[in-house]
Amino acid sequence: FDFRWFCQCVGCNVSHSVCSLLSLILYRKANPHTAYDYTAKGHLVGVVSNGTAVLGLGNIGAAASKPVMEGKAVLFKKFGGVDAFDIELDCPDPEKFIDMVVALGPTFGGINIEDVKAPECFYIEKEAQRRSNIPIMHDDQHGTAIIAGAGLLNALKLVKKDIGDIKVVVSGCGAAGFTCAKYFISLGVKRENLIAVDIKGVVYKGREDITGLSSYLAEVASDTPKRTLKEAIVGADVFLGVSAPKLLTPEMLLSMANDPLVFALANPTPEISYDLARKTRSDVIMATGRSDFPNQINNVCAFPYIFRGALDCRASQINEAIKQACTKAIADIAFSDKDLFGPDYIIPKPFDKRLKVEVSAAVAQAAMDSGVARIQLDMLQYRDDLQD
């Protein structure tokens, strides 16, 4: 299509750029993927929420969630160089929410679902991704799991324990906790060595309430006689809390195995405070969700770069290979700092500039290797571009 000929023929004083846009619109009907070449699609992420589970605030609704979503868009730009804007949907109905997310696909190169409550969020993400050809990721689930996974891998190096041998207790089975439990198993924790605990106690096989909306819990249900967190934590190597303040008592911490790993991620008040945990046991390796203590499990170490890499190779989804590559890249950054690596430094700081290059490149490479990338990148050139 010759846009110059078109401009001459219409006999109107139409600008060169408008004619170019018209020609591209026509061309894209035959090849929609050219939108990545000639529009902002390949650099644009939608941050979509219905405000049903805003961190620390609960179900406050779509309008009230807008400041949080705007802040998320700023983080995308600041850390990943990714353009993003927020869309708040006044839509608690999962099916309608999915329809709206899928309908936004032509606009964005990827969609970050944010602050949608469990258990609906699991179905929403899975179904929206099934119906879309762009990556859809619920960051509350996978961002936390990816960063916690990086911390787990590095902490195990310090205490010289094999991931296949450790016993793990996960407190909290909402979006983050449930997904962390499944992801730890994906990383190598044996299914029989993981016990999940929710507000009703241990999630065990045969528990009567694991039906209907709670049926997802069957995926992490244990065959165990233990029924409480106090019972489950005895002899555990790892505690991961994404639950409520002050649930892990000093007595429980003392009952854990040697060199325990405690990731107390409830915000703003963790399941056990950093100071109390270190006072209780000198051999504990501690992480929280707070920036004023060492080893902050912060999603900003992952999501800007996951989407940066995914957009740049035009990935169609964020699969397990991409998540694990992201975890390994984050862990490797901290591990490479031999002078710093230790109990108070198992994951890099959020402002570490290496994250953009290492994690984005790892994501793109994993996407290409696993067959979900639409284009192949020259990785040496790509890493140079990310440096710039």
Protein backbone atom coordinates (compact mmCIF):
# COMPACT_ATOMS: atom_id res chain seq x y z
CA PHE A 1 0.00 0.00 0.00
CA ASP A 2 1.48 3.33 -1.11
CA PHE A 3 0.44 5.93 1.46
CA ARG A 4 1.82 8.79 -0.73
CA TRP A 5 -0.48 7.77 -3.57
CA PHE A 6 -3.34 7.58 -1.07
CA CYS A 7 -2.70 11.12 0.17
CA GLN A 8 -2.69 12.48 -3.37
CA CYS A 9 -5.88 10.66 -4.33
CA VAL A 10 -8.03 11.73 -1.40
CA GLY A 11 -7.52 15.34 -2.42
CA CYS A 12 -7.43 16.52 1.16
CA ASN A 13 -4.85 18.36 3.18
CA VAL A 14 -4.02 15.31 5.25
CA SER A 15 -0.70 15.14 7.01
CA HIS A 16 1.98 12.65 6.06
CA SER A 17 1.74 10.97 9.48
CA VAL A 18 -2.02 10.56 9.36
CA CYS A 19 -1.81 8.94 5.93
CA SER A 20 0.89 6.62 7.22
CA LEU A 21 -1.34 5.67 10.15
CA LEU A 22 -4.27 4.96 7.82
CA SER A 23 -2.16 2.72 5.63
CA LEU A 24 -0.87 0.82 8.65
CA ILE A 25 -4.39 0.32 9.96
CA LEU A 26 -5.36 -1.25 6.66
CA TYR A 27 -2.25 -3.39 6.58
CA ARG A 28 -2.71 -4.64 10.11
CA LYS A 29 -5.99 -6.23 9.12
CA ALA A 30 -3.96 -8.75 7.16
CA ASN A 31 -1.13 -9.04 9.70
CA PRO A 32 -2.11 -7.92 13.23
CA HIS A 33 1.41 -8.52 14.60
CA THR A 34 2.68 -5.45 12.75
CA ALA A 35 1.12 -3.52 15.63
CA TYR A 36 4.29 -4.38 17.55
CA ASP A 37 6.39 -2.65 14.88
CA TYR A 38 4.37 0.51 14.31
CA THR A 39 2.45 1.22 17.52
CA ALA A 40 3.08 1.36 21.27
CA LYS A 41 1.64 -2.13 21.81
CA GLY A 42 5.03 -3.78 22.26
CA HIS A 43 6.01 -1.35 25.01
CA LEU A 44 2.73 -1.11 26.86
CA VAL A 45 1.38 -3.01 29.89
CA GLY A 46 -2.10 -2.70 31.34
CA VAL A 47 -2.39 -2.78 35.14
CA VAL A 48 -5.90 -4.09 35.69
CA SER A 49 -7.73 -4.46 38.99
CA ASN A 50 -11.20 -4.63 40.50
CA GLY A 51 -9.95 -3.63 43.95
CA THR A 52 -11.20 -6.75 45.72
CA ALA A 53 -7.92 -7.49 47.56
CA VAL A 54 -5.78 -4.38 47.86
CA LEU A 55 -2.67 -5.07 49.94
CA GLY A 56 -3.33 -4.21 53.57
CA LEU A 57 -6.75 -2.74 52.80
CA GLY A 58 -8.86 -5.64 51.56
CA ASN A 59 -11.91 -5.25 49.32
CA ILE A 60 -12.05 -1.48 48.93
CA GLY A 61 -13.45 -1.40 45.41
CA ALA A 62 -12.20 -0.32 42.03
CA ALA A 63 -12.21 3.46 42.52
CA ALA A 64 -10.35 3.34 45.83
CA SER A 65 -7.71 1.05 44.34
CA LYS A 66 -6.71 3.59 41.68
CA PRO A 67 -3.81 5.21 43.61
CA VAL A 68 -2.25 1.79 44.12
CA MET A 69 -2.60 0.90 40.44
CA GLU A 70 -1.16 4.25 39.36
CA GLY A 71 1.79 3.58 41.64
CA LYS A 72 2.27 0.18 40.03
CA ALA A 73 2.39 1.82 36.59
CA VAL A 74 5.07 4.20 37.86
CA LEU A 75 7.17 1.24 39.05
CA PHE A 76 6.92 -0.38 35.63
CA LYS A 77 8.31 2.76 34.04
CA LYS A 78 10.94 3.57 36.66
CA PHE A 79 12.47 0.11 36.93
CA GLY A 80 11.72 -1.63 33.64
CA GLY A 81 11.39 1.28 31.25
CA VAL A 82 7.97 -0.13 30.39
CA ASP A 83 5.04 2.16 29.66
CA ALA A 84 1.98 1.21 31.67
CA PHE A 85 -1.36 2.63 32.61
CA ASP A 86 -3.96 1.53 35.07
CA ILE A 87 -7.48 0.32 34.41
CA GLU A 88 -9.84 -0.08 37.36
CA LEU A 89 -12.86 -2.22 36.56
CA ASP A 90 -15.94 -1.93 38.75
CA CYS A 91 -16.58 -5.60 38.18
CA PRO A 92 -16.45 -8.18 40.99
CA ASP A 93 -17.95 -10.85 38.72
CA PRO A 94 -15.09 -13.15 37.56
CA GLU A 95 -16.57 -14.05 34.18
CA LYS A 96 -17.26 -10.44 33.24
CA PHE A 97 -13.83 -9.41 34.51
CA ILE A 98 -12.22 -12.06 32.28
CA ASP A 99 -14.19 -10.84 29.28
CA MET A 100 -12.97 -7.30 29.86
CA VAL A 101 -9.34 -8.33 30.32
CA VAL A 102 -9.40 -10.41 27.15
CA ALA A 103 -11.07 -7.57 25.24
CA LEU A 104 -8.16 -5.28 26.16
CA GLY A 105 -5.70 -7.57 24.38
CA PRO A 106 -5.36 -5.56 21.15
CA THR A 107 -4.21 -2.51 23.13
CA PHE A 108 -1.46 -4.02 25.26
CA GLY A 109 1.61 -6.19 24.85
CA GLY A 110 0.90 -7.68 28.29
CA ILE A 111 -1.52 -7.35 31.19
CA ASN A 112 -0.63 -7.30 34.89
CA ILE A 113 -3.65 -8.33 36.96
CA GLU A 114 -3.39 -6.72 40.37
CA ASP A 115 -5.13 -6.97 43.74
CA VAL A 116 -7.88 -9.41 42.77
CA LYS A 117 -9.01 -11.63 45.62
CA ALA A 118 -8.56 -15.36 45.99
CA PRO A 119 -9.86 -17.83 45.05
CA GLU A 120 -11.36 -16.05 42.02
CA CYS A 121 -7.94 -14.77 40.98
CA PHE A 122 -6.70 -18.27 40.15
CA TYR A 123 -9.50 -18.93 37.68
CA ILE A 124 -9.38 -15.39 36.30
CA GLU A 125 -5.69 -15.52 35.43
CA LYS A 126 -5.82 -19.02 33.97
CA GLU A 127 -8.90 -18.41 31.83
CA ALA A 128 -7.83 -14.94 30.66
CA GLN A 129 -4.47 -16.36 29.57
CA ARG A 130 -6.14 -19.27 27.78
CA ARG A 131 -8.20 -16.85 25.73
CA SER A 132 -5.38 -14.37 25.03
CA ASN A 133 -2.27 -14.25 22.86
CA ILE A 134 -0.41 -11.83 25.14
CA PRO A 135 1.09 -12.55 28.58
CA ILE A 136 -1.37 -12.24 31.45
CA MET A 137 0.14 -12.38 34.94
CA HIS A 138 -1.33 -11.90 38.39
CA ASP A 139 1.65 -10.37 40.17
CA ASP A 140 0.29 -10.93 43.66
CA GLN A 141 0.68 -14.65 42.99
CA HIS A 142 3.78 -15.03 40.89
CA GLY A 143 5.88 -12.00 41.77
CA THR A 144 5.96 -13.01 45.43
CA ALA A 145 6.65 -16.66 44.56
CA ILE A 146 9.50 -15.80 42.19
CA ILE A 147 11.31 -13.56 44.69
CA ALA A 148 10.71 -15.89 47.64
CA GLY A 149 11.99 -18.73 45.47
CA ALA A 150 15.21 -16.82 44.80
CA GLY A 151 15.66 -16.22 48.52
CA LEU A 152 15.01 -19.88 49.24
CA LEU A 153 17.60 -21.13 46.75
CA ASN A 154 20.30 -18.82 48.10
CA ALA A 155 19.51 -19.43 51.76
CA LEU A 156 19.77 -23.17 51.20
CA LYS A 157 23.27 -22.65 49.83
CA LEU A 158 24.24 -20.92 53.07
CA VAL A 159 22.87 -23.63 55.36
CA LYS A 160 24.03 -26.42 53.03
CA LYS A 161 20.64 -28.12 52.75
CA ASP A 162 19.22 -29.82 49.67
CA ILE A 163 15.85 -28.56 48.47
CA GLY A 164 14.66 -32.14 48.07
CA ASP A 165 15.22 -32.84 51.75
CA ILE A 166 13.79 -29.77 53.47
CA LYS A 167 10.45 -29.55 55.27
CA VAL A 168 8.41 -26.43 54.51
CA VAL A 169 5.44 -24.86 56.27
CA VAL A 170 3.44 -22.22 54.39
CA SER A 171 1.14 -20.03 56.48
CA GLY A 172 -1.61 -18.41 54.43
CA CYS A 173 -3.35 -19.86 51.38
CA GLY A 174 -4.50 -16.75 49.59
CA ALA A 175 -3.16 -15.64 46.21
CA ALA A 176 0.48 -15.35 47.32
CA GLY A 177 0.67 -18.19 49.83
CA PHE A 178 -1.03 -20.82 47.69
CA THR A 179 1.07 -19.94 44.66
CA CYS A 180 4.30 -19.88 46.70
CA ALA A 181 3.50 -23.38 47.97
CA LYS A 182 3.01 -24.71 44.44
CA TYR A 183 6.06 -22.85 43.16
CA PHE A 184 8.34 -24.22 45.90
CA ILE A 185 7.26 -27.70 44.81
CA SER A 186 8.06 -26.72 41.21
CA LEU A 187 11.55 -25.68 42.38
CA GLY A 188 12.19 -29.05 43.98
CA VAL A 189 10.51 -29.23 47.40
CA LYS A 190 8.93 -32.66 47.73
CA ARG A 191 5.16 -32.58 47.86
CA GLU A 192 5.06 -34.73 50.99
CA ASN A 193 7.48 -32.35 52.75
CA LEU A 194 5.24 -29.28 52.48
CA ILE A 195 2.39 -28.43 54.84
CA ALA A 196 0.08 -25.51 54.14
CA VAL A 197 -1.85 -23.78 56.91
CA ASP A 198 -4.75 -21.36 56.54
CA ILE A 199 -7.09 -19.60 58.94
CA LYS A 200 -8.77 -22.93 59.78
CA GLY A 201 -5.53 -24.79 60.47
CA VAL A 202 -3.55 -27.36 58.50
CA VAL A 203 -4.82 -27.97 54.98
CA TYR A 204 -5.10 -31.75 55.11
CA LYS A 205 -6.61 -34.34 52.83
CA GLY A 206 -10.24 -34.98 53.69
CA ARG A 207 -10.85 -31.61 55.36
CA GLU A 208 -14.57 -31.12 54.95
CA ASP A 209 -14.49 -27.50 53.80
CA ILE A 210 -12.20 -28.15 50.80
CA THR A 211 -15.11 -27.94 48.37
CA GLY A 212 -16.67 -25.36 46.08
CA LEU A 213 -14.67 -22.12 46.02
CA SER A 214 -12.11 -23.68 48.39
CA SER A 215 -11.56 -26.78 46.24
CA TYR A 216 -8.29 -25.30 44.97
CA LEU A 217 -6.78 -26.11 48.37
CA ALA A 218 -6.80 -29.80 47.42
CA GLU A 219 -3.67 -29.09 45.37
CA VAL A 220 -1.68 -28.41 48.56
CA ALA A 221 -3.54 -30.64 51.01
CA SER A 222 -1.26 -32.90 53.08
CA ASP A 223 -1.68 -36.45 54.31
CA THR A 224 -0.82 -35.65 57.92
CA PRO A 225 -2.32 -35.96 61.40
CA LYS A 226 -1.12 -32.44 62.27
CA ARG A 227 -3.88 -29.88 62.60
CA THR A 228 -2.32 -26.62 63.85
CA LEU A 229 0.56 -24.34 62.92
CA LYS A 230 2.17 -25.14 66.26
CA GLU A 231 2.17 -28.84 65.40
CA ALA A 232 3.19 -28.37 61.77
CA ILE A 233 6.19 -26.17 62.51
CA VAL A 234 8.01 -28.72 64.69
CA GLY A 235 11.16 -29.82 62.86
CA ALA A 236 10.46 -27.62 59.82
CA ASP A 237 13.42 -26.16 57.92
CA VAL A 238 11.45 -23.33 56.29
CA PHE A 239 8.56 -21.12 57.38
CA LEU A 240 6.93 -18.98 54.72
CA GLY A 241 4.27 -16.64 56.04
CA VAL A 242 1.88 -14.68 53.85
CA SER A 243 -0.82 -14.50 56.47
CA ALA A 244 -1.24 -12.33 59.56
CA PRO A 245 0.84 -10.50 62.20
CA LYS A 246 2.56 -12.30 65.08
CA LEU A 247 1.39 -15.81 64.20
CA LEU A 248 4.85 -17.33 64.61
CA THR A 249 5.76 -17.28 68.29
CA PRO A 250 9.29 -17.59 69.70
CA GLU A 251 8.33 -21.03 71.02
CA MET A 252 7.38 -22.15 67.52
CA LEU A 253 10.62 -20.79 66.10
CA LEU A 254 12.61 -22.68 68.73
CA SER A 255 10.90 -25.92 67.67
CA MET A 256 12.14 -25.64 64.07
CA ALA A 257 15.17 -27.50 62.71
CA ASN A 258 18.74 -26.21 62.83
CA ASP A 259 19.47 -23.13 60.69
CA PRO A 260 15.80 -22.34 60.06
CA LEU A 261 14.69 -20.10 57.20
CA VAL A 262 11.87 -17.73 58.14
CA PHE A 263 10.22 -15.65 55.44
CA ALA A 264 7.64 -13.60 57.38
CA LEU A 265 5.98 -11.57 54.64
CA ALA A 266 2.81 -10.22 56.22
CA ASN A 267 2.79 -6.43 55.83
CA PRO A 268 3.21 -4.09 57.56
CA THR A 269 3.55 -6.35 60.61
CA PRO A 270 5.18 -9.73 59.88
CA GLU A 271 4.33 -13.10 61.43
CA ILE A 272 7.35 -12.57 63.68
CA SER A 273 9.50 -9.46 63.79
CA TYR A 274 13.05 -9.51 62.51
CA ASP A 275 14.47 -8.42 65.86
CA LEU A 276 12.48 -10.97 67.86
CA ALA A 277 13.42 -13.79 65.49
CA ARG A 278 17.14 -12.98 65.70
CA LYS A 279 16.92 -12.60 69.46
CA THR A 280 15.21 -15.99 69.73
CA ARG A 281 17.64 -17.87 67.48
CA SER A 282 21.06 -16.76 66.30
CA ASP A 283 21.05 -19.32 63.47
CA VAL A 284 17.86 -18.08 61.80
CA ILE A 285 17.96 -16.60 58.29
CA MET A 286 15.18 -14.05 58.17
CA ALA A 287 13.35 -12.26 55.35
CA THR A 288 10.34 -9.93 55.48
CA GLY A 289 8.27 -7.80 53.16
CA ARG A 290 9.68 -4.62 54.70
CA SER A 291 12.40 -2.35 53.39
CA ASP A 292 13.77 -1.46 56.83
CA PHE A 293 15.15 -4.95 57.45
CA PRO A 294 17.54 -7.17 55.47
CA ASN A 295 16.27 -9.51 52.76
CA GLN A 296 13.14 -7.71 51.63
CA ILE A 297 10.94 -9.94 49.45
CA ASN A 298 9.89 -7.20 47.05
CA ASN A 299 8.00 -7.93 43.83
CA VAL A 300 9.61 -4.95 42.14
CA CYS A 301 12.70 -7.13 41.72
CA ALA A 302 10.69 -9.20 39.25
CA PHE A 303 7.57 -7.82 37.57
CA PRO A 304 9.10 -4.85 35.65
CA TYR A 305 11.72 -7.12 34.13
CA ILE A 306 9.42 -10.08 33.50
CA PHE A 307 7.29 -7.85 31.31
CA ARG A 308 10.35 -6.08 29.84
CA GLY A 309 11.75 -9.38 28.60
CA ALA A 310 8.36 -10.75 27.58
CA LEU A 311 7.49 -7.65 25.58
CA ASP A 312 10.82 -7.50 23.82
CA CYS A 313 10.54 -11.05 22.48
CA ARG A 314 6.77 -10.69 22.01
CA ALA A 315 6.01 -13.62 24.29
CA SER A 316 2.49 -15.00 24.25
CA GLN A 317 2.51 -16.01 27.93
CA ILE A 318 4.53 -16.17 31.15
CA ASN A 319 5.15 -19.90 31.59
CA GLU A 320 6.90 -21.94 34.28
CA ALA A 321 10.21 -21.86 32.40
CA ILE A 322 10.16 -18.05 32.42
CA LYS A 323 9.34 -17.89 36.13
CA GLN A 324 12.14 -20.25 37.06
CA ALA A 325 14.62 -18.43 34.84
CA CYS A 326 13.63 -15.21 36.59
CA THR A 327 14.13 -16.79 40.02
CA LYS A 328 17.55 -18.12 39.09
CA ALA A 329 18.68 -14.79 37.62
CA ILE A 330 17.68 -12.91 40.77
CA ALA A 331 19.36 -15.47 43.01
CA ASP A 332 22.55 -15.42 40.93
CA ILE A 333 22.92 -11.64 41.28
CA ALA A 334 23.07 -11.84 45.08
CA PHE A 335 25.19 -15.00 45.05
CA SER A 336 27.76 -13.34 42.77
CA ASP A 337 28.43 -10.64 45.39
CA LYS A 338 30.88 -12.75 47.36
CA ASP A 339 31.74 -9.96 49.79
CA LEU A 340 28.06 -9.40 50.68
CA PHE A 341 26.42 -12.78 50.29
CA GLY A 342 25.34 -14.11 53.65
CA PRO A 343 22.41 -14.40 56.09
CA ASP A 344 21.55 -10.70 55.70
CA TYR A 345 21.96 -10.67 51.92
CA ILE A 346 20.27 -13.55 50.07
CA ILE A 347 18.46 -11.45 47.47
CA PRO A 348 19.51 -8.24 45.69
CA LYS A 349 18.20 -4.86 46.68
CA PRO A 350 15.31 -3.52 44.56
CA PHE A 351 17.50 -0.68 43.23
CA ASP A 352 20.23 -3.01 41.96
CA LYS A 353 20.69 -1.93 38.35
CA ARG A 354 21.80 -5.40 37.31
CA LEU A 355 18.25 -6.68 37.70
CA LYS A 356 17.06 -5.03 34.50
CA VAL A 357 19.73 -6.65 32.37
CA GLU A 358 19.98 -10.05 34.01
CA VAL A 359 16.31 -10.75 34.67
CA SER A 360 14.97 -9.30 31.41
CA ALA A 361 17.55 -11.26 29.41
CA ALA A 362 16.80 -14.46 31.34
CA VAL A 363 13.08 -14.03 30.67
CA ALA A 364 13.58 -13.44 26.96
CA GLN A 365 15.94 -16.41 26.65
CA ALA A 366 13.53 -18.71 28.49
CA ALA A 367 10.66 -17.53 26.33
CA MET A 368 12.61 -18.32 23.17
CA ASP A 369 13.82 -21.67 24.49
CA SER A 370 10.31 -22.72 25.56
CA GLY A 371 8.68 -21.69 22.30
CA VAL A 372 6.43 -18.84 23.48
CA ALA A 373 8.46 -16.00 21.89
CA ARG A 374 7.28 -14.68 18.54
CA ILE A 375 10.66 -13.29 17.57
CA GLN A 376 14.23 -14.41 18.20
CA LEU A 377 16.61 -11.91 19.77
CA ASP A 378 20.36 -11.62 19.41
CA MET A 379 21.05 -11.96 23.12
CA LEU A 380 24.42 -10.20 23.09
CA GLN A 381 22.90 -7.22 21.33
CA TYR A 382 19.84 -7.37 23.56
CA ARG A 383 21.91 -7.23 26.72
CA ASP A 384 23.79 -4.23 25.31
CA ASP A 385 20.47 -2.53 24.55
CA LEU A 386 19.28 -3.13 28.11
CA GLN A 387 22.47 -1.57 29.46
CA ASP A 388 21.72 1.56 27.48
